[in-house]
């Protein structure tokens, strides 16, 4: 059987259509497997660019999965996950997110900053009750509700009622003031290395730690989210 002239002309087009259909089926299968597609992720800045190292590990497992990271304030981050504008979001110190699941990912230490000449700096690490008589400079709750609640809740659990200290501005400004002003302390977590400020000592805080969780929609995670979770937890 021989093709007509019209058939010979249409044959390459038919082959191209079949090849496109095969590619479409393959892409659809890869998306179902979580190795292709787009993953929209709300991110935080982590110690040593931990988030971006994680994304590099994810790219090694699913190189065609495009991750689109977005930085948003915590309330906007959670709302975006609830309404499907983000597939997931990293959040710090959050213990409750109505309508979402919080999957713990990392736990990091907290640090205390206080005047370098203060007697408490003789200790390699400090407890909250060590600091009970020293004014605390803590960012107002509206600036970071989960972190504020973590610290105030830990103080209550330790039976400590911290003295209110001078206002907290930015971390850098507050640390500088601690070095030159009346004795006070503040508490923070590492983002881009521990700060080095003249006349300020930094010590680990024994007790509360900071948990970073992945906020996801309720229900079984998608294959792409399972790949992300595996990368975030180091393959555990």
N, C-alpha and C. Protein backbone atom coordinates (compact mmCIF):
# COMPACT_ATOMS: atom_id res chain seq x y z
N UNK A 1 0.85 -1.18 0.00
CA UNK A 1 0.00 0.00 0.00
C UNK A 1 0.89 1.23 0.00
N UNK A 2 0.58 2.17 -0.86
CA UNK A 2 1.38 3.38 -0.99
C UNK A 2 0.55 4.58 -0.58
N UNK A 3 1.27 5.55 0.06
CA UNK A 3 0.59 6.80 0.43
C UNK A 3 0.37 7.66 -0.80
N UNK A 4 -0.73 8.35 -0.78
CA UNK A 4 -0.97 9.33 -1.83
C UNK A 4 -0.08 10.55 -1.58
N UNK A 5 -0.07 11.46 -2.51
CA UNK A 5 0.70 12.69 -2.32
C UNK A 5 0.22 13.45 -1.09
N UNK A 6 -1.10 13.48 -0.89
CA UNK A 6 -1.63 14.18 0.29
C UNK A 6 -1.21 13.46 1.56
N UNK A 7 -1.20 12.13 1.49
CA UNK A 7 -0.80 11.36 2.67
C UNK A 7 0.65 11.59 3.02
N UNK A 8 1.50 11.63 1.99
CA UNK A 8 2.91 11.90 2.26
C UNK A 8 3.11 13.27 2.90
N UNK A 9 2.29 14.24 2.47
CA UNK A 9 2.42 15.59 3.05
C UNK A 9 1.95 15.61 4.51
N UNK A 10 0.92 14.84 4.81
CA UNK A 10 0.36 14.84 6.16
C UNK A 10 1.14 13.96 7.14
N UNK A 11 1.94 13.03 6.63
CA UNK A 11 2.61 12.09 7.51
C UNK A 11 3.51 12.78 8.54
N UNK A 12 4.37 13.74 8.17
CA UNK A 12 5.20 14.40 9.19
C UNK A 12 4.36 15.13 10.24
N UNK A 13 3.24 15.71 9.78
CA UNK A 13 2.38 16.42 10.73
C UNK A 13 1.76 15.44 11.72
N UNK A 14 1.33 14.29 11.21
CA UNK A 14 0.73 13.28 12.09
C UNK A 14 1.75 12.77 13.10
N UNK A 15 2.98 12.54 12.63
CA UNK A 15 4.02 12.10 13.55
C UNK A 15 4.29 13.16 14.62
N UNK A 16 4.28 14.44 14.22
CA UNK A 16 4.52 15.53 15.17
C UNK A 16 3.40 15.58 16.21
N UNK A 17 2.15 15.38 15.76
CA UNK A 17 1.01 15.38 16.68
C UNK A 17 1.14 14.24 17.69
N UNK A 18 1.52 13.05 17.18
CA UNK A 18 1.68 11.90 18.08
C UNK A 18 2.82 12.14 19.08
N UNK A 19 3.92 12.76 18.60
CA UNK A 19 5.04 13.04 19.50
C UNK A 19 4.63 14.05 20.57
N UNK A 20 3.86 15.08 20.16
CA UNK A 20 3.38 16.07 21.13
C UNK A 20 2.46 15.42 22.15
N UNK A 21 1.60 14.53 21.69
CA UNK A 21 0.70 13.84 22.61
C UNK A 21 1.48 13.00 23.60
N UNK A 22 2.55 12.34 23.12
CA UNK A 22 3.37 11.53 24.01
C UNK A 22 4.08 12.42 25.04
N UNK A 23 4.60 13.58 24.58
CA UNK A 23 5.25 14.50 25.51
C UNK A 23 4.26 15.02 26.55
N UNK A 24 3.05 15.32 26.10
CA UNK A 24 2.02 15.81 27.03
C UNK A 24 1.69 14.75 28.08
N UNK A 25 1.57 13.50 27.64
CA UNK A 25 1.30 12.42 28.59
C UNK A 25 2.44 12.26 29.58
N UNK A 26 3.69 12.42 29.09
CA UNK A 26 4.84 12.27 29.96
C UNK A 26 4.90 13.40 30.99
N UNK A 27 4.64 14.64 30.51
CA UNK A 27 4.64 15.78 31.43
C UNK A 27 3.56 15.61 32.48
N UNK A 28 2.37 15.17 32.05
CA UNK A 28 1.28 14.95 33.00
C UNK A 28 1.65 13.89 34.03
N UNK A 29 2.31 12.83 33.57
CA UNK A 29 2.75 11.78 34.49
C UNK A 29 3.80 12.31 35.46
N UNK A 30 4.72 13.15 34.97
CA UNK A 30 5.75 13.72 35.84
C UNK A 30 5.14 14.68 36.87
N UNK A 31 4.12 15.43 36.44
CA UNK A 31 3.45 16.33 37.38
C UNK A 31 2.75 15.51 38.46
N UNK A 32 2.10 14.42 38.07
CA UNK A 32 1.44 13.57 39.07
C UNK A 32 2.47 12.97 40.03
N UNK A 33 3.69 12.71 39.53
CA UNK A 33 4.74 12.15 40.37
C UNK A 33 5.48 13.21 41.18
N UNK A 34 5.17 14.49 40.90
CA UNK A 34 5.82 15.57 41.63
C UNK A 34 7.21 15.91 41.16
N UNK A 35 7.63 15.43 40.00
CA UNK A 35 8.97 15.73 39.49
C UNK A 35 8.96 16.81 38.41
N UNK A 36 7.79 17.35 38.09
CA UNK A 36 7.64 18.43 37.12
C UNK A 36 6.54 19.34 37.64
N UNK A 37 6.48 20.54 37.10
CA UNK A 37 5.44 21.47 37.51
C UNK A 37 6.01 22.67 38.22
N UNK A 38 5.14 23.37 38.96
CA UNK A 38 5.51 24.59 39.67
C UNK A 38 5.09 24.45 41.13
N UNK A 39 6.01 24.76 42.04
CA UNK A 39 5.74 24.72 43.48
C UNK A 39 5.95 26.13 44.02
N UNK A 40 4.88 26.74 44.54
CA UNK A 40 4.94 28.11 45.04
C UNK A 40 5.13 28.05 46.56
N UNK A 41 6.26 28.60 47.03
CA UNK A 41 6.66 28.40 48.42
C UNK A 41 6.93 29.73 49.11
N UNK A 42 6.26 29.96 50.23
CA UNK A 42 6.59 31.09 51.08
C UNK A 42 7.81 30.76 51.91
N UNK A 43 8.78 31.64 51.96
CA UNK A 43 10.06 31.30 52.59
C UNK A 43 10.42 32.27 53.72
N UNK A 44 11.36 31.83 54.54
CA UNK A 44 11.99 32.66 55.56
C UNK A 44 13.48 32.65 55.29
N UNK A 45 14.16 33.62 55.86
CA UNK A 45 15.63 33.62 55.75
C UNK A 45 16.16 32.72 56.86
N UNK A 46 16.97 31.74 56.49
CA UNK A 46 17.46 30.79 57.47
C UNK A 46 18.95 30.90 57.70
N UNK A 47 19.42 30.36 58.81
CA UNK A 47 20.87 30.40 59.07
C UNK A 47 21.65 29.78 57.92
N UNK A 48 22.66 30.51 57.44
CA UNK A 48 23.53 29.97 56.40
C UNK A 48 22.81 29.67 55.10
N UNK A 49 21.77 30.46 54.78
CA UNK A 49 21.01 30.24 53.55
C UNK A 49 20.50 28.80 53.47
N UNK A 50 20.04 28.29 54.59
CA UNK A 50 19.56 26.91 54.66
C UNK A 50 18.44 26.64 53.64
N UNK A 51 17.56 27.61 53.47
CA UNK A 51 16.43 27.41 52.54
C UNK A 51 16.94 27.17 51.13
N UNK A 52 17.92 27.95 50.70
CA UNK A 52 18.39 27.82 49.32
C UNK A 52 19.23 26.56 49.13
N UNK A 53 19.90 26.11 50.18
CA UNK A 53 20.57 24.81 50.08
C UNK A 53 19.53 23.71 49.92
N UNK A 54 18.41 23.85 50.64
CA UNK A 54 17.34 22.86 50.51
C UNK A 54 16.77 22.84 49.10
N UNK A 55 16.58 24.01 48.53
CA UNK A 55 16.04 24.08 47.17
C UNK A 55 17.01 23.47 46.16
N UNK A 56 18.30 23.61 46.42
CA UNK A 56 19.29 22.97 45.54
C UNK A 56 19.19 21.45 45.65
N UNK A 57 18.96 20.94 46.87
CA UNK A 57 18.80 19.50 47.04
C UNK A 57 17.53 19.02 46.33
N UNK A 58 16.46 19.82 46.41
CA UNK A 58 15.23 19.46 45.73
C UNK A 58 15.43 19.43 44.22
N UNK A 59 16.20 20.38 43.69
CA UNK A 59 16.45 20.42 42.24
C UNK A 59 17.21 19.19 41.78
N UNK A 60 18.04 18.64 42.65
CA UNK A 60 18.79 17.43 42.27
C UNK A 60 17.86 16.23 42.15
N UNK A 61 16.79 16.21 42.94
CA UNK A 61 15.84 15.09 42.91
C UNK A 61 14.78 15.29 41.83
N UNK A 62 14.31 16.53 41.69
CA UNK A 62 13.25 16.83 40.72
C UNK A 62 13.66 18.06 39.92
N UNK A 63 14.58 17.89 38.95
CA UNK A 63 15.14 19.05 38.25
C UNK A 63 14.13 19.84 37.44
N UNK A 64 13.01 19.23 37.05
CA UNK A 64 12.01 19.97 36.27
C UNK A 64 10.94 20.61 37.14
N UNK A 65 11.01 20.42 38.45
CA UNK A 65 10.07 21.05 39.35
C UNK A 65 10.55 22.47 39.63
N UNK A 66 9.80 23.45 39.16
CA UNK A 66 10.18 24.85 39.34
C UNK A 66 9.64 25.35 40.68
N UNK A 67 10.53 25.79 41.55
CA UNK A 67 10.12 26.35 42.83
C UNK A 67 10.14 27.88 42.72
N UNK A 68 9.01 28.48 43.06
CA UNK A 68 8.91 29.93 43.03
C UNK A 68 8.82 30.44 44.47
N UNK A 69 9.95 30.87 45.04
CA UNK A 69 9.94 31.34 46.43
C UNK A 69 9.37 32.75 46.52
N UNK A 70 8.63 33.00 47.62
CA UNK A 70 8.07 34.34 47.86
C UNK A 70 8.26 34.69 49.33
N UNK A 71 8.67 35.94 49.57
CA UNK A 71 8.76 36.46 50.93
C UNK A 71 7.52 37.32 51.20
N UNK A 72 6.79 36.97 52.24
CA UNK A 72 5.60 37.71 52.63
C UNK A 72 5.55 37.78 54.15
N UNK A 73 4.88 38.80 54.72
CA UNK A 73 4.65 38.78 56.17
C UNK A 73 3.88 37.52 56.57
N UNK A 74 4.02 37.13 57.83
CA UNK A 74 3.41 35.87 58.27
C UNK A 74 1.92 35.80 57.97
N UNK A 75 1.10 36.80 58.32
CA UNK A 75 -0.34 36.67 58.03
C UNK A 75 -0.62 36.49 56.54
N UNK A 76 0.09 37.25 55.69
CA UNK A 76 -0.12 37.14 54.25
C UNK A 76 0.34 35.78 53.73
N UNK A 77 1.42 35.26 54.32
CA UNK A 77 1.93 33.94 53.93
C UNK A 77 0.88 32.86 54.18
N UNK A 78 0.29 32.89 55.36
CA UNK A 78 -0.70 31.87 55.73
C UNK A 78 -1.97 32.02 54.89
N UNK A 79 -2.40 33.27 54.67
CA UNK A 79 -3.59 33.49 53.85
C UNK A 79 -3.37 32.98 52.43
N UNK A 80 -2.17 33.19 51.90
CA UNK A 80 -1.87 32.73 50.54
C UNK A 80 -1.94 31.21 50.44
N UNK A 81 -1.54 30.49 51.49
CA UNK A 81 -1.65 29.03 51.47
C UNK A 81 -3.13 28.62 51.56
N UNK A 82 -3.88 29.29 52.41
CA UNK A 82 -5.31 28.95 52.57
C UNK A 82 -6.07 29.10 51.26
N UNK A 83 -5.73 30.14 50.50
CA UNK A 83 -6.47 30.43 49.27
C UNK A 83 -5.81 29.87 48.01
N UNK A 84 -4.78 29.04 48.18
CA UNK A 84 -4.17 28.38 47.04
C UNK A 84 -3.23 29.22 46.23
N UNK A 85 -2.85 30.43 46.74
CA UNK A 85 -1.88 31.24 46.02
C UNK A 85 -0.46 30.75 46.27
N UNK A 86 -0.25 30.07 47.38
CA UNK A 86 0.99 29.37 47.68
C UNK A 86 0.65 27.91 47.95
N UNK A 87 1.56 27.02 47.59
CA UNK A 87 1.36 25.60 47.88
C UNK A 87 1.76 25.25 49.31
N UNK A 88 2.69 26.02 49.88
CA UNK A 88 3.16 25.79 51.25
C UNK A 88 3.95 27.02 51.66
N UNK A 89 4.20 27.14 52.98
CA UNK A 89 4.97 28.27 53.48
C UNK A 89 5.72 27.87 54.73
N UNK A 90 6.97 28.30 54.82
CA UNK A 90 7.76 28.11 56.03
C UNK A 90 7.39 29.21 57.03
N UNK A 91 7.22 28.83 58.29
CA UNK A 91 6.88 29.78 59.35
C UNK A 91 7.66 29.44 60.60
N UNK A 92 8.02 30.46 61.37
CA UNK A 92 8.78 30.25 62.60
C UNK A 92 7.88 30.45 63.82
N UNK A 93 8.07 29.58 64.82
CA UNK A 93 7.49 29.73 66.16
C UNK A 93 5.98 29.62 66.18
N UNK A 94 5.36 29.32 65.08
CA UNK A 94 3.89 29.25 65.02
C UNK A 94 3.43 27.90 65.56
N UNK A 95 2.41 27.94 66.41
CA UNK A 95 1.88 26.70 67.00
C UNK A 95 0.48 26.38 66.54
N UNK A 96 -0.18 27.32 65.87
CA UNK A 96 -1.56 27.09 65.44
C UNK A 96 -1.83 27.91 64.19
N UNK A 97 -2.46 27.28 63.22
CA UNK A 97 -2.82 27.96 61.97
C UNK A 97 -4.15 27.37 61.50
N UNK A 98 -5.27 27.94 61.92
CA UNK A 98 -6.59 27.38 61.57
C UNK A 98 -6.73 27.13 60.07
N UNK A 99 -7.21 25.94 59.74
CA UNK A 99 -7.42 25.57 58.36
C UNK A 99 -6.20 25.00 57.66
N UNK A 100 -5.06 25.00 58.34
CA UNK A 100 -3.82 24.49 57.76
C UNK A 100 -3.19 23.47 58.70
N UNK A 101 -2.27 22.68 58.17
CA UNK A 101 -1.45 21.80 58.99
C UNK A 101 -0.06 22.39 59.12
N UNK A 102 0.52 22.25 60.31
CA UNK A 102 1.88 22.71 60.56
C UNK A 102 2.77 21.48 60.75
N UNK A 103 3.72 21.30 59.84
CA UNK A 103 4.62 20.15 59.89
C UNK A 103 5.99 20.63 60.37
N UNK A 104 6.41 20.28 61.60
CA UNK A 104 7.71 20.75 62.11
C UNK A 104 8.85 20.29 61.20
N UNK A 105 9.76 21.23 60.92
CA UNK A 105 10.88 20.95 60.02
C UNK A 105 12.22 21.06 60.73
N UNK A 106 12.49 22.21 61.34
CA UNK A 106 13.78 22.46 61.97
C UNK A 106 13.57 22.99 63.39
N UNK A 107 14.54 22.75 64.24
CA UNK A 107 14.59 23.36 65.56
C UNK A 107 15.93 24.06 65.73
N UNK A 108 15.90 25.32 66.12
CA UNK A 108 17.12 26.11 66.25
C UNK A 108 17.19 26.72 67.65
N UNK A 109 18.41 26.96 68.14
CA UNK A 109 18.57 27.57 69.47
C UNK A 109 18.23 29.05 69.45
N UNK A 110 17.97 29.57 70.63
CA UNK A 110 17.80 31.01 70.83
C UNK A 110 19.05 31.54 71.54
N UNK A 111 19.27 32.83 71.38
CA UNK A 111 20.45 33.46 71.96
C UNK A 111 20.04 34.70 72.77
N UNK A 112 20.81 34.96 73.80
CA UNK A 112 20.63 36.13 74.66
C UNK A 112 21.76 37.09 74.40
N UNK A 113 21.45 38.37 74.31
CA UNK A 113 22.46 39.42 74.23
C UNK A 113 22.33 40.30 75.47
N UNK A 114 23.44 40.60 76.13
CA UNK A 114 23.46 41.43 77.34
C UNK A 114 24.80 42.14 77.42
N UNK A 115 24.93 43.12 78.30
CA UNK A 115 26.20 43.85 78.35
C UNK A 115 27.38 42.93 78.64
N UNK A 116 28.47 43.14 77.95
CA UNK A 116 29.62 42.24 78.06
C UNK A 116 30.20 42.22 79.46
N UNK A 117 30.05 43.32 80.21
CA UNK A 117 30.64 43.36 81.55
C UNK A 117 29.72 42.81 82.63
N UNK A 118 28.52 42.39 82.26
CA UNK A 118 27.58 41.90 83.27
C UNK A 118 28.07 40.57 83.85
N UNK A 119 27.90 40.34 85.15
CA UNK A 119 28.36 39.08 85.76
C UNK A 119 27.78 37.82 85.13
N UNK A 120 26.58 37.91 84.55
CA UNK A 120 25.97 36.72 83.95
C UNK A 120 26.76 36.19 82.77
N UNK A 121 27.59 37.02 82.17
CA UNK A 121 28.34 36.58 81.00
C UNK A 121 29.42 35.57 81.37
N UNK A 122 29.65 35.35 82.68
CA UNK A 122 30.61 34.32 83.08
C UNK A 122 30.10 32.92 82.77
N UNK A 123 28.79 32.80 82.58
CA UNK A 123 28.19 31.51 82.26
C UNK A 123 28.26 31.26 80.75
N UNK A 124 28.51 30.01 80.40
CA UNK A 124 28.57 29.65 78.97
C UNK A 124 27.19 29.66 78.33
N UNK A 125 26.14 29.44 79.11
CA UNK A 125 24.77 29.47 78.63
C UNK A 125 23.90 30.02 79.75
N UNK A 126 22.74 30.55 79.41
CA UNK A 126 21.87 31.19 80.39
C UNK A 126 20.47 30.59 80.35
N UNK A 127 19.82 30.60 81.53
CA UNK A 127 18.42 30.20 81.64
C UNK A 127 17.57 31.46 81.82
N UNK A 128 16.28 31.32 81.57
CA UNK A 128 15.41 32.47 81.74
C UNK A 128 15.40 32.97 83.17
N UNK A 129 15.45 32.05 84.14
CA UNK A 129 15.42 32.52 85.52
C UNK A 129 16.71 33.24 85.91
N UNK A 130 17.81 33.00 85.18
CA UNK A 130 19.03 33.78 85.42
C UNK A 130 18.80 35.26 85.11
N UNK A 131 17.90 35.52 84.19
CA UNK A 131 17.70 36.87 83.65
C UNK A 131 16.53 37.59 84.28
N UNK A 132 15.92 36.99 85.31
CA UNK A 132 14.67 37.51 85.86
C UNK A 132 14.79 38.94 86.36
N UNK A 133 15.93 39.33 86.88
CA UNK A 133 16.09 40.67 87.46
C UNK A 133 16.68 41.69 86.49
N UNK A 134 16.80 41.29 85.23
CA UNK A 134 17.38 42.19 84.23
C UNK A 134 16.28 42.60 83.24
N UNK A 135 16.10 43.89 82.96
CA UNK A 135 15.02 44.32 82.05
C UNK A 135 15.15 43.68 80.67
N UNK A 136 14.02 43.24 80.16
CA UNK A 136 13.96 42.58 78.85
C UNK A 136 13.51 43.56 77.79
N UNK A 137 14.24 43.56 76.69
CA UNK A 137 13.86 44.36 75.51
C UNK A 137 13.34 43.39 74.46
N UNK A 138 12.02 43.34 74.33
CA UNK A 138 11.37 42.39 73.42
C UNK A 138 10.54 43.17 72.41
N UNK A 139 10.63 42.77 71.15
CA UNK A 139 9.84 43.44 70.12
C UNK A 139 8.36 43.35 70.44
N UNK A 140 7.57 44.38 70.15
CA UNK A 140 6.13 44.33 70.44
C UNK A 140 5.47 43.18 69.69
N UNK A 141 4.38 42.69 70.26
CA UNK A 141 3.75 41.50 69.70
C UNK A 141 3.34 41.68 68.24
N UNK A 142 2.88 42.88 67.89
CA UNK A 142 2.42 43.08 66.51
C UNK A 142 3.54 42.94 65.49
N UNK A 143 4.78 43.08 65.92
CA UNK A 143 5.91 42.94 64.99
C UNK A 143 6.15 41.49 64.60
N UNK A 144 5.94 40.56 65.53
CA UNK A 144 6.16 39.13 65.27
C UNK A 144 5.40 38.33 66.32
N UNK A 145 4.09 38.17 66.13
CA UNK A 145 3.27 37.52 67.17
C UNK A 145 3.77 36.13 67.59
N UNK A 146 4.12 35.22 66.67
CA UNK A 146 4.54 33.89 67.13
C UNK A 146 5.79 33.94 68.01
N UNK A 147 6.77 34.76 67.64
CA UNK A 147 8.01 34.82 68.44
C UNK A 147 7.74 35.48 69.79
N UNK A 148 6.98 36.54 69.79
CA UNK A 148 6.63 37.21 71.05
C UNK A 148 5.93 36.23 71.98
N UNK A 149 4.98 35.47 71.45
CA UNK A 149 4.24 34.51 72.28
C UNK A 149 5.16 33.39 72.77
N UNK A 150 6.12 32.98 71.94
CA UNK A 150 7.07 31.95 72.36
C UNK A 150 7.85 32.40 73.59
N UNK A 151 8.36 33.62 73.55
CA UNK A 151 9.20 34.11 74.65
C UNK A 151 8.35 34.37 75.89
N UNK A 152 7.23 35.05 75.75
CA UNK A 152 6.42 35.34 76.93
C UNK A 152 5.85 34.06 77.53
N UNK A 153 5.49 33.10 76.69
CA UNK A 153 5.00 31.82 77.20
C UNK A 153 6.08 31.05 77.93
N UNK A 154 7.31 31.08 77.40
CA UNK A 154 8.42 30.39 78.07
C UNK A 154 8.74 31.05 79.41
N UNK A 155 8.63 32.38 79.47
CA UNK A 155 8.86 33.06 80.74
C UNK A 155 7.81 32.66 81.78
N UNK A 156 6.56 32.60 81.37
CA UNK A 156 5.51 32.18 82.31
C UNK A 156 5.75 30.76 82.79
N UNK A 157 6.12 29.87 81.86
CA UNK A 157 6.35 28.48 82.23
C UNK A 157 7.52 28.35 83.20
N UNK A 158 8.49 29.27 83.11
CA UNK A 158 9.65 29.24 84.00
C UNK A 158 9.39 30.01 85.29
N UNK A 159 8.19 30.57 85.43
CA UNK A 159 7.88 31.35 86.62
C UNK A 159 8.59 32.68 86.67
N UNK A 160 8.89 33.23 85.49
CA UNK A 160 9.65 34.48 85.40
C UNK A 160 8.72 35.57 84.88
N UNK A 161 8.76 36.71 85.54
CA UNK A 161 8.03 37.89 85.08
C UNK A 161 9.07 38.95 84.74
N UNK A 162 9.54 38.99 83.50
CA UNK A 162 10.64 39.89 83.15
C UNK A 162 10.28 41.36 83.39
N UNK A 163 11.25 42.12 83.85
CA UNK A 163 11.05 43.55 83.95
C UNK A 163 11.03 44.15 82.55
N UNK A 164 10.09 45.04 82.28
CA UNK A 164 10.10 45.68 80.95
C UNK A 164 11.31 46.58 80.80
N UNK A 165 11.97 46.46 79.68
CA UNK A 165 13.15 47.26 79.43
C UNK A 165 12.85 48.40 78.48
N UNK A 166 13.89 49.12 78.06
CA UNK A 166 13.71 50.17 77.05
C UNK A 166 13.10 49.59 75.77
N UNK A 167 12.51 50.43 74.94
CA UNK A 167 11.84 49.92 73.73
C UNK A 167 12.80 49.15 72.82
N UNK A 168 12.28 48.11 72.19
CA UNK A 168 13.00 47.37 71.16
C UNK A 168 12.73 48.08 69.84
N UNK A 169 13.79 48.39 69.10
CA UNK A 169 13.62 49.02 67.79
C UNK A 169 13.92 47.97 66.72
N UNK A 170 15.07 48.02 66.12
CA UNK A 170 15.56 46.91 65.30
C UNK A 170 16.55 46.11 66.13
N UNK A 171 16.87 44.90 65.68
CA UNK A 171 17.81 44.09 66.45
C UNK A 171 19.17 44.78 66.53
N UNK A 172 19.67 45.30 65.43
CA UNK A 172 20.99 45.93 65.44
C UNK A 172 21.01 47.15 66.36
N UNK A 173 19.98 47.99 66.28
CA UNK A 173 19.94 49.17 67.14
C UNK A 173 19.81 48.79 68.61
N UNK A 174 18.98 47.77 68.87
CA UNK A 174 18.80 47.32 70.25
C UNK A 174 20.09 46.76 70.82
N UNK A 175 20.80 45.97 70.03
CA UNK A 175 22.08 45.43 70.49
C UNK A 175 23.07 46.55 70.78
N UNK A 176 23.12 47.54 69.91
CA UNK A 176 24.03 48.67 70.14
C UNK A 176 23.67 49.40 71.43
N UNK A 177 22.37 49.58 71.68
CA UNK A 177 21.94 50.26 72.90
C UNK A 177 22.29 49.43 74.14
N UNK A 178 22.17 48.10 74.04
CA UNK A 178 22.52 47.25 75.17
C UNK A 178 24.00 47.44 75.53
N UNK A 179 24.83 47.66 74.54
CA UNK A 179 26.25 47.82 74.80
C UNK A 179 26.62 49.11 75.49
N UNK A 180 25.79 50.16 75.35
CA UNK A 180 26.17 51.47 75.90
C UNK A 180 25.19 51.98 76.94
N UNK A 181 23.99 51.41 77.03
CA UNK A 181 22.98 51.93 77.93
C UNK A 181 22.92 51.18 79.24
N UNK A 182 21.81 51.41 79.97
CA UNK A 182 21.59 50.70 81.23
C UNK A 182 21.47 49.21 80.95
N UNK A 183 21.84 48.40 81.93
CA UNK A 183 21.86 46.94 81.75
C UNK A 183 20.47 46.43 81.37
N UNK A 184 20.41 45.65 80.30
CA UNK A 184 19.18 45.02 79.84
C UNK A 184 19.58 43.86 78.95
N UNK A 185 18.59 43.10 78.49
CA UNK A 185 18.91 41.97 77.61
C UNK A 185 17.82 41.82 76.56
N UNK A 186 18.16 41.11 75.51
CA UNK A 186 17.18 40.76 74.49
C UNK A 186 17.45 39.34 74.04
N UNK A 187 16.52 38.79 73.31
CA UNK A 187 16.61 37.41 72.85
C UNK A 187 16.32 37.38 71.36
N UNK A 188 17.04 36.54 70.63
CA UNK A 188 16.88 36.51 69.17
C UNK A 188 17.29 35.14 68.66
N UNK A 189 17.05 34.90 67.37
CA UNK A 189 17.48 33.68 66.71
C UNK A 189 18.40 34.04 65.57
N UNK A 190 19.25 33.10 65.21
CA UNK A 190 20.25 33.36 64.17
C UNK A 190 19.59 33.37 62.80
N UNK A 191 19.97 34.35 62.01
CA UNK A 191 19.51 34.43 60.62
C UNK A 191 20.70 34.41 59.67
N UNK A 192 21.64 35.31 59.88
CA UNK A 192 22.81 35.38 58.99
C UNK A 192 24.08 35.46 59.83
N UNK A 193 24.24 34.51 60.72
CA UNK A 193 25.40 34.51 61.61
C UNK A 193 25.10 35.29 62.88
N UNK A 194 25.83 34.99 63.94
CA UNK A 194 25.63 35.70 65.20
C UNK A 194 26.28 37.07 65.13
N UNK A 195 25.58 38.09 65.61
CA UNK A 195 26.13 39.45 65.52
C UNK A 195 27.32 39.64 66.45
N UNK A 196 28.21 40.52 66.04
CA UNK A 196 29.35 40.91 66.88
C UNK A 196 29.26 42.42 67.09
N UNK A 197 28.87 42.80 68.31
CA UNK A 197 28.66 44.21 68.65
C UNK A 197 29.59 44.56 69.81
N UNK A 198 30.31 45.68 69.71
CA UNK A 198 31.19 46.08 70.82
C UNK A 198 30.43 46.16 72.13
N UNK A 199 31.04 45.63 73.19
CA UNK A 199 30.53 45.67 74.56
C UNK A 199 29.23 44.89 74.75
N UNK A 200 28.95 43.98 73.84
CA UNK A 200 27.77 43.12 73.95
C UNK A 200 28.23 41.66 73.91
N UNK A 201 27.73 40.86 74.84
CA UNK A 201 28.03 39.42 74.87
C UNK A 201 26.80 38.64 74.41
N UNK A 202 27.02 37.58 73.68
CA UNK A 202 25.95 36.70 73.21
C UNK A 202 26.15 35.33 73.83
N UNK A 203 25.09 34.79 74.43
CA UNK A 203 25.14 33.48 75.05
C UNK A 203 23.93 32.66 74.60
N UNK A 204 24.09 31.33 74.43
CA UNK A 204 22.93 30.49 74.13
C UNK A 204 21.94 30.53 75.29
N UNK A 205 20.66 30.44 74.95
CA UNK A 205 19.60 30.38 75.95
C UNK A 205 19.20 28.93 76.15
N UNK A 206 19.29 28.46 77.37
CA UNK A 206 18.89 27.10 77.70
C UNK A 206 17.38 27.08 77.95
N UNK A 207 16.69 26.22 77.29
CA UNK A 207 15.25 26.13 77.51
C UNK A 207 14.49 26.18 76.20
N UNK A 208 13.78 27.28 75.94
CA UNK A 208 12.96 27.31 74.72
C UNK A 208 13.83 27.29 73.46
N UNK A 209 13.34 26.63 72.45
CA UNK A 209 13.99 26.62 71.15
C UNK A 209 12.99 27.12 70.11
N UNK A 210 13.48 27.40 68.95
CA UNK A 210 12.66 27.95 67.87
C UNK A 210 12.39 26.86 66.83
N UNK A 211 11.12 26.56 66.61
CA UNK A 211 10.74 25.55 65.62
C UNK A 211 10.26 26.22 64.35
N UNK A 212 10.81 25.80 63.23
CA UNK A 212 10.32 26.23 61.91
C UNK A 212 9.47 25.11 61.35
N UNK A 213 8.26 25.46 60.92
CA UNK A 213 7.31 24.48 60.39
C UNK A 213 6.96 24.81 58.95
N UNK A 214 6.45 23.81 58.26
CA UNK A 214 5.91 24.01 56.91
C UNK A 214 4.40 24.03 57.02
N UNK A 215 3.79 25.15 56.69
CA UNK A 215 2.33 25.27 56.69
C UNK A 215 1.80 24.80 55.34
N UNK A 216 0.91 23.81 55.37
CA UNK A 216 0.38 23.21 54.14
C UNK A 216 -1.13 23.07 54.27
N UNK A 217 -1.84 22.94 53.15
CA UNK A 217 -3.28 22.68 53.24
C UNK A 217 -3.54 21.35 53.95
N UNK A 218 -4.67 21.25 54.58
CA UNK A 218 -5.02 20.02 55.27
C UNK A 218 -5.21 18.88 54.26
N UNK A 219 -4.92 17.67 54.68
CA UNK A 219 -5.06 16.50 53.82
C UNK A 219 -3.71 15.95 53.39
N UNK A 220 -3.73 14.85 52.63
CA UNK A 220 -2.46 14.25 52.18
C UNK A 220 -1.66 15.22 51.33
N UNK A 221 -0.35 15.30 51.52
CA UNK A 221 0.47 16.21 50.70
C UNK A 221 0.54 15.74 49.26
N UNK A 222 0.68 16.68 48.36
CA UNK A 222 0.86 16.33 46.95
C UNK A 222 2.24 15.70 46.77
N UNK A 223 2.46 15.00 45.66
CA UNK A 223 3.80 14.44 45.42
C UNK A 223 4.90 15.49 45.44
N UNK A 224 4.63 16.68 44.88
CA UNK A 224 5.65 17.74 44.90
C UNK A 224 5.98 18.16 46.33
N UNK A 225 4.95 18.26 47.18
CA UNK A 225 5.19 18.61 48.58
C UNK A 225 5.95 17.51 49.31
N UNK A 226 5.70 16.26 48.93
CA UNK A 226 6.45 15.17 49.57
C UNK A 226 7.93 15.27 49.22
N UNK A 227 8.23 15.62 47.97
CA UNK A 227 9.64 15.83 47.59
C UNK A 227 10.23 16.99 48.39
N UNK A 228 9.47 18.06 48.55
CA UNK A 228 9.95 19.22 49.31
C UNK A 228 10.20 18.83 50.76
N UNK A 229 9.27 18.12 51.37
CA UNK A 229 9.43 17.70 52.76
C UNK A 229 10.67 16.84 52.94
N UNK A 230 10.91 15.97 51.99
CA UNK A 230 12.10 15.11 52.08
C UNK A 230 13.37 15.94 52.01
N UNK A 231 13.38 16.96 51.13
CA UNK A 231 14.55 17.82 51.04
C UNK A 231 14.72 18.66 52.30
N UNK A 232 13.61 19.17 52.85
CA UNK A 232 13.67 20.02 54.03
C UNK A 232 14.18 19.25 55.25
N UNK A 233 13.83 17.98 55.33
CA UNK A 233 14.22 17.19 56.51
C UNK A 233 15.48 16.36 56.24
N UNK A 234 16.16 16.66 55.17
CA UNK A 234 17.43 15.97 54.90
C UNK A 234 17.27 14.53 54.51
N UNK A 235 16.10 14.20 53.89
CA UNK A 235 15.87 12.84 53.43
C UNK A 235 15.33 11.92 54.48
N UNK A 236 15.06 12.46 55.68
CA UNK A 236 14.53 11.60 56.76
C UNK A 236 13.13 11.14 56.44
